[in-house]
C-alpha atoms as a PDB file:
ATOM      1  CA  MET A   1       3.989 -20.496 -42.589  1.00  0.00           C
ATOM      2  CA  ALA A   2       3.352 -20.708 -38.855  1.00  0.00           C
ATOM      3  CA  ASN A   3       6.196 -18.244 -38.199  1.00  0.00           C
ATOM      4  CA  GLU A   4       4.672 -15.807 -40.689  1.00  0.00           C
ATOM      5  CA  ALA A   5       1.253 -16.073 -39.025  1.00  0.00           C
ATOM      6  CA  GLU A   6       2.795 -15.654 -35.577  1.00  0.00           C
ATOM      7  CA  ALA A   7       4.744 -12.591 -36.727  1.00  0.00           C
ATOM      8  CA  MET A   8       1.599 -11.064 -38.218  1.00  0.00           C
ATOM      9  CA  LEU A   9      -0.344 -11.643 -34.974  1.00  0.00           C
ATOM     10  CA  ARG A  10       2.423 -10.013 -32.902  1.00  0.00           C
ATOM     11  CA  CYS A  11       2.371  -7.064 -35.292  1.00  0.00           C
ATOM     12  CA  GLN A  12      -1.417  -6.836 -35.016  1.00  0.00           C
ATOM     13  CA  ALA A  13      -1.151  -6.703 -31.216  1.00  0.00           C
ATOM     14  CA  GLU A  14       1.449  -3.960 -31.517  1.00  0.00           C
ATOM     15  CA  ILE A  15      -0.847  -1.977 -33.841  1.00  0.00           C
ATOM     16  CA  TRP A  16      -3.642  -2.265 -31.241  1.00  0.00           C
ATOM     17  CA  GLN A  17      -1.322  -0.740 -28.629  1.00  0.00           C
ATOM     18  CA  ARG A  18      -0.338   2.064 -30.989  1.00  0.00           C
ATOM     19  CA  ILE A  19      -3.961   2.853 -31.904  1.00  0.00           C
ATOM     20  CA  TYR A  20      -4.654   3.661 -28.263  1.00  0.00           C
ATOM     21  CA  HIS A  21      -1.527   5.739 -27.837  1.00  0.00           C
ATOM     22  CA  PHE A  22      -2.466   9.368 -28.579  1.00  0.00           C
ATOM     23  CA  VAL A  23       0.399  10.655 -30.753  1.00  0.00           C
ATOM     24  CA  ASP A  24       0.988   7.308 -32.392  1.00  0.00           C
ATOM     25  CA  SER A  25      -2.707   7.102 -33.164  1.00  0.00           C
ATOM     26  CA  ILE A  26      -2.775  10.526 -34.817  1.00  0.00           C
ATOM     27  CA  ALA A  27       0.344   9.721 -36.869  1.00  0.00           C
ATOM     28  CA  LEU A  28      -1.280   6.462 -37.946  1.00  0.00           C
ATOM     29  CA  LYS A  29      -4.406   8.365 -38.973  1.00  0.00           C
ATOM     30  CA  CYS A  30      -2.336  10.821 -41.019  1.00  0.00           C
ATOM     31  CA  ALA A  31      -0.576   7.940 -42.779  1.00  0.00           C
ATOM     32  CA  LEU A  32      -3.946   6.320 -43.430  1.00  0.00           C
ATOM     33  CA  ASP A  33      -5.563   9.556 -44.686  1.00  0.00           C
ATOM     34  CA  LEU A  34      -2.643  10.132 -47.028  1.00  0.00           C
ATOM     35  CA  GLY A  35      -2.752   6.496 -48.154  1.00  0.00           C
ATOM     36  CA  ILE A  36       0.967   6.005 -47.585  1.00  0.00           C
ATOM     37  CA  ALA A  37       0.816   2.218 -47.152  1.00  0.00           C
ATOM     38  CA  ASP A  38      -1.413   1.877 -50.224  1.00  0.00           C
ATOM     39  CA  ILE A  39       0.930   4.087 -52.264  1.00  0.00           C
ATOM     40  CA  ILE A  40       3.957   1.974 -51.375  1.00  0.00           C
ATOM     41  CA  GLN A  41       1.996  -1.239 -51.990  1.00  0.00           C
ATOM     42  CA  ALA A  42       0.849   0.004 -55.414  1.00  0.00           C
ATOM     43  CA  ARG A  43       4.426   0.752 -56.481  1.00  0.00           C
ATOM     44  CA  GLY A  44       5.484  -2.765 -55.490  1.00  0.00           C
ATOM     45  CA  CYS A  45       8.921  -1.687 -54.262  1.00  0.00           C
ATOM     46  CA  PRO A  46      10.520   0.735 -51.806  1.00  0.00           C
ATOM     47  CA  ILE A  47       9.933   4.360 -52.826  1.00  0.00           C
ATOM     48  CA  THR A  48      11.260   7.813 -52.014  1.00  0.00           C
ATOM     49  CA  LEU A  49       9.543  10.560 -50.079  1.00  0.00           C
ATOM     50  CA  SER A  50       9.069  12.568 -53.266  1.00  0.00           C
ATOM     51  CA  GLN A  51       7.364   9.582 -54.914  1.00  0.00           C
ATOM     52  CA  ILE A  52       5.022   9.265 -51.947  1.00  0.00           C
ATOM     53  CA  ALA A  53       4.284  13.009 -52.121  1.00  0.00           C
ATOM     54  CA  ASN A  54       3.593  12.801 -55.866  1.00  0.00           C
ATOM     55  CA  ASP A  55       1.120   9.964 -55.351  1.00  0.00           C
ATOM     56  CA  VAL A  56      -0.803  11.537 -52.471  1.00  0.00           C
ATOM     57  CA  ALA A  57      -4.125  12.379 -54.089  1.00  0.00           C
ATOM     58  CA  SER A  58      -5.684  14.316 -51.222  1.00  0.00           C
ATOM     59  CA  SER A  59      -3.503  17.409 -51.396  1.00  0.00           C
ATOM     60  CA  PRO A  60      -1.787  18.929 -54.406  1.00  0.00           C
ATOM     61  CA  SER A  61       0.100  21.300 -52.106  1.00  0.00           C
ATOM     62  CA  LEU A  62       1.409  18.723 -49.647  1.00  0.00           C
ATOM     63  CA  ASP A  63       4.179  20.099 -47.431  1.00  0.00           C
ATOM     64  CA  ILE A  64       7.147  17.795 -48.064  1.00  0.00           C
ATOM     65  CA  ALA A  65       8.831  18.848 -44.789  1.00  0.00           C
ATOM     66  CA  HIS A  66       5.785  17.773 -42.771  1.00  0.00           C
ATOM     67  CA  LEU A  67       5.558  14.525 -44.718  1.00  0.00           C
ATOM     68  CA  SER A  68       9.242  13.917 -44.024  1.00  0.00           C
ATOM     69  CA  ARG A  69       8.685  14.392 -40.277  1.00  0.00           C
ATOM     70  CA  LEU A  70       5.690  12.091 -40.346  1.00  0.00           C
ATOM     71  CA  MET A  71       7.652   9.376 -42.151  1.00  0.00           C
ATOM     72  CA  ARG A  72      10.622   9.704 -39.771  1.00  0.00           C
ATOM     73  CA  PHE A  73       8.208   9.320 -36.835  1.00  0.00           C
ATOM     74  CA  LEU A  74       6.505   6.293 -38.400  1.00  0.00           C
ATOM     75  CA  VAL A  75       9.872   4.680 -39.152  1.00  0.00           C
ATOM     76  CA  HIS A  76      11.066   5.418 -35.609  1.00  0.00           C
ATOM     77  CA  LYS A  77       7.957   3.671 -34.310  1.00  0.00           C
ATOM     78  CA  LYS A  78       8.790   0.767 -36.676  1.00  0.00           C
ATOM     79  CA  LEU A  79       5.524   1.189 -38.584  1.00  0.00           C
ATOM     80  CA  PHE A  80       7.374   1.511 -41.903  1.00  0.00           C
ATOM     81  CA  ASP A  81      10.890   0.555 -42.963  1.00  0.00           C
ATOM     82  CA  ALA A  82      13.450   2.968 -44.367  1.00  0.00           C
ATOM     83  CA  THR A  83      16.741   2.325 -46.121  1.00  0.00           C
ATOM     84  CA  ASN A  84      19.361   4.684 -47.438  1.00  0.00           C
ATOM     85  CA  PRO A  85      20.773   3.292 -50.673  1.00  0.00           C
ATOM     86  CA  GLN A  86      24.548   3.241 -51.013  1.00  0.00           C
ATOM     87  CA  SER A  87      25.953   4.949 -54.075  1.00  0.00           C
ATOM     88  CA  ASP A  88      29.368   5.852 -55.438  1.00  0.00           C
ATOM     89  CA  SER A  89      28.046   9.108 -56.881  1.00  0.00           C
ATOM     90  CA  ASP A  90      28.277  12.470 -55.152  1.00  0.00           C
ATOM     91  CA  LEU A  91      24.498  12.875 -55.296  1.00  0.00           C
ATOM     92  CA  GLU A  92      22.643  12.653 -52.023  1.00  0.00           C
ATOM     93  CA  GLU A  93      20.500   9.537 -52.168  1.00  0.00           C
ATOM     94  CA  GLU A  94      16.952   9.739 -50.887  1.00  0.00           C
ATOM     95  CA  THR A  95      15.657   7.387 -48.231  1.00  0.00           C
ATOM     96  CA  LEU A  96      13.555   4.540 -49.592  1.00  0.00           C
ATOM     97  CA  TYR A  97      10.412   3.685 -47.637  1.00  0.00           C
ATOM     98  CA  SER A  98       8.804   0.261 -47.655  1.00  0.00           C
ATOM     99  CA  LEU A  99       6.084  -1.719 -45.954  1.00  0.00           C
ATOM    100  CA  ASN A 100       6.683  -4.125 -43.104  1.00  0.00           C
ATOM    101  CA  HIS A 101       4.381  -6.394 -41.107  1.00  0.00           C
ATOM    102  CA  PHE A 102       3.034  -3.409 -39.145  1.00  0.00           C
ATOM    103  CA  SER A 103       2.261  -1.143 -42.087  1.00  0.00           C
ATOM    104  CA  LYS A 104       0.525  -3.982 -43.933  1.00  0.00           C
ATOM    105  CA  TRP A 105      -2.229  -3.697 -41.290  1.00  0.00           C
ATOM    106  CA  LEU A 106      -2.902  -0.163 -42.624  1.00  0.00           C
ATOM    107  CA  LEU A 107      -3.669  -1.242 -46.194  1.00  0.00           C
ATOM    108  CA  ARG A 108      -7.195  -0.574 -47.382  1.00  0.00           C
ATOM    109  CA  ASP A 109      -7.307  -3.630 -49.640  1.00  0.00           C
ATOM    110  CA  PRO A 110     -10.717  -5.261 -49.033  1.00  0.00           C
ATOM    111  CA  GLN A 111      -9.155  -8.665 -49.749  1.00  0.00           C
ATOM    112  CA  GLN A 112      -6.748  -8.304 -46.794  1.00  0.00           C
ATOM    113  CA  LEU A 113      -7.286  -8.166 -43.051  1.00  0.00           C
ATOM    114  CA  SER A 114      -6.836  -4.562 -41.962  1.00  0.00           C
ATOM    115  CA  LEU A 115      -7.096  -2.377 -38.904  1.00  0.00           C
ATOM    116  CA  ALA A 116      -7.691   0.717 -41.071  1.00  0.00           C
ATOM    117  CA  PRO A 117     -11.488   0.797 -40.497  1.00  0.00           C
ATOM    118  CA  LEU A 118     -11.053   0.614 -36.719  1.00  0.00           C
ATOM    119  CA  LEU A 119      -8.485   3.401 -36.789  1.00  0.00           C
ATOM    120  CA  CYS A 120     -10.862   5.556 -38.836  1.00  0.00           C
ATOM    121  CA  LEU A 121     -13.649   4.910 -36.326  1.00  0.00           C
ATOM    122  CA  LEU A 122     -11.505   5.673 -33.286  1.00  0.00           C
ATOM    123  CA  GLN A 123     -10.291   8.923 -34.860  1.00  0.00           C
ATOM    124  CA  TYR A 124     -13.735   9.947 -36.151  1.00  0.00           C
ATOM    125  CA  HIS A 125     -14.044  13.621 -35.214  1.00  0.00           C
ATOM    126  CA  PRO A 126     -17.709  13.616 -34.009  1.00  0.00           C
ATOM    127  CA  LEU A 127     -16.900  10.757 -31.626  1.00  0.00           C
ATOM    128  CA  LEU A 128     -13.915  12.638 -30.232  1.00  0.00           C
ATOM    129  CA  THR A 129     -15.865  15.851 -29.657  1.00  0.00           C
ATOM    130  CA  ALA A 130     -19.191  14.431 -28.449  1.00  0.00           C
ATOM    131  CA  PRO A 131     -20.365  15.878 -25.106  1.00  0.00           C
END
């Protein structure tokens, strides 16, 4: 239990650093606006990019190529996990995306500790453009 708490605190500190890093912060905001962490959490298991795209409620015409780039960036930054399932078939298997300790800080569940409200505040457009 102590190891779990320690791991979560290290992840929280890492999220703080990423919030204040410009590109990371914008990518985090995109993931939050699209509800990617909440979508994966709701499914209860790793899911494909097309499943994420289907569940994004904010845009019926979501560009899958842009979403793919965003997810690759977030995985590269270790904010989400990605696995490529092994298969004996000739079909190309899609990457499966899942939550990790970092992405759990982006959940909007009011019962959980979250850094989502702070990220929304720091990326609030009127604050960024105020004279």
